[in-house]
Amino acid sequence: MAAKPKNAKTDATAKKVRVKPTTAFAPLKFKDFTITQKKSGRYEVITTSTGKNVNGGDKEKLLLEAKILTPSIPKAKSEAATT
């Protein structure tokens, strides 16, 4: 019988690769901008006139208007907790 080399990796010690789930999100094209989804799952908004990314509050407004994001409503504080 031949012995295994000392530095050979076995199946149990091999590095496991985490596969991210893919989504079937087709790019949404509007008159002034395009919305795409990155591999990380985040959304990217690009203006069609300049080709630059839209960031911050403007990006949030556009994603809400396109109904990709749903607005989160903060819970109302109860009066007992404030007294």
Protein backbone atom coordinates (compact mmCIF):
# COMPACT_ATOMS: atom_id res chain seq x y z
CA MET A 1 0.00 0.00 0.00
CA ALA A 2 1.24 3.48 -0.85
CA ALA A 3 1.17 6.07 1.91
CA LYS A 4 -0.47 9.46 1.33
CA PRO A 5 1.78 12.50 1.31
CA LYS A 6 1.72 14.48 4.58
CA ASN A 7 0.64 17.75 2.98
CA ALA A 8 -2.25 16.37 0.89
CA LYS A 9 -5.67 17.73 1.80
CA THR A 10 -8.45 15.28 2.37
CA ASP A 11 -12.07 15.93 1.48
CA ALA A 12 -12.90 16.71 5.12
CA THR A 13 -10.25 19.46 5.40
CA ALA A 14 -10.79 20.97 1.96
CA LYS A 15 -11.98 24.59 1.96
CA LYS A 16 -15.72 24.83 1.45
CA VAL A 17 -16.92 27.50 -0.94
CA ARG A 18 -20.10 29.32 0.01
CA VAL A 19 -22.39 29.77 -2.97
CA LYS A 20 -24.63 32.84 -2.89
CA PRO A 21 -28.18 32.36 -4.11
CA THR A 22 -28.92 34.08 -7.39
CA THR A 23 -32.03 36.10 -7.94
CA ALA A 24 -33.91 36.47 -11.16
CA PHE A 25 -33.92 40.27 -11.02
CA ALA A 26 -34.00 41.79 -14.48
CA PRO A 27 -32.60 45.32 -14.78
CA LEU A 28 -35.33 47.96 -14.65
CA LYS A 29 -34.82 50.72 -17.21
CA PHE A 30 -36.50 54.08 -16.74
CA LYS A 31 -36.18 57.33 -18.68
CA ASP A 32 -33.55 58.87 -16.36
CA PHE A 33 -32.00 55.87 -14.58
CA THR A 34 -31.49 52.10 -14.55
CA ILE A 35 -31.77 49.82 -11.50
CA THR A 36 -29.70 46.63 -11.39
CA GLN A 37 -28.92 44.11 -8.67
CA LYS A 38 -25.33 43.34 -7.72
CA LYS A 39 -23.99 39.86 -6.92
CA SER A 40 -24.06 40.81 -3.23
CA GLY A 41 -27.84 41.33 -3.43
CA ARG A 42 -27.71 45.12 -3.11
CA TYR A 43 -29.27 47.41 -5.69
CA GLU A 44 -27.40 49.82 -7.93
CA VAL A 45 -29.01 52.91 -9.48
CA ILE A 46 -27.22 54.41 -12.49
CA THR A 47 -28.22 57.60 -14.28
CA THR A 48 -28.61 57.19 -18.03
CA SER A 49 -27.34 60.64 -18.95
CA THR A 50 -23.98 60.54 -17.11
CA GLY A 51 -23.57 56.85 -16.29
CA LYS A 52 -22.75 57.61 -12.64
CA ASN A 53 -24.14 55.88 -9.56
CA VAL A 54 -26.86 57.51 -7.48
CA ASN A 55 -26.22 57.31 -3.72
CA GLY A 56 -27.81 58.25 -0.43
CA GLY A 57 -31.29 59.65 -0.07
CA ASP A 58 -31.80 60.03 -3.80
CA LYS A 59 -31.15 56.32 -4.33
CA GLU A 60 -33.54 55.45 -1.52
CA LYS A 61 -36.31 57.61 -3.03
CA LEU A 62 -35.87 56.03 -6.47
CA LEU A 63 -35.97 52.48 -5.06
CA LEU A 64 -39.12 53.33 -3.07
CA GLU A 65 -40.80 54.81 -6.17
CA ALA A 66 -39.93 51.69 -8.17
CA LYS A 67 -41.48 49.62 -5.33
CA ILE A 68 -38.30 47.59 -4.83
CA LEU A 69 -37.96 48.67 -1.21
CA THR A 70 -40.76 48.86 1.30
CA PRO A 71 -40.70 51.72 3.78
CA SER A 72 -40.08 50.76 7.37
CA ILE A 73 -42.37 52.45 9.87
CA PRO A 74 -40.86 52.94 13.34
CA LYS A 75 -42.87 51.52 16.22
CA ALA A 76 -44.76 54.08 18.29
CA LYS A 77 -43.42 54.55 21.80
CA SER A 78 -45.91 53.58 24.46
CA GLU A 79 -46.84 56.19 27.05
CA ALA A 80 -45.95 53.84 29.92
CA ALA A 81 -42.37 53.61 28.75
CA THR A 82 -41.91 57.40 28.68
CA THR A 83 -43.19 58.06 32.23
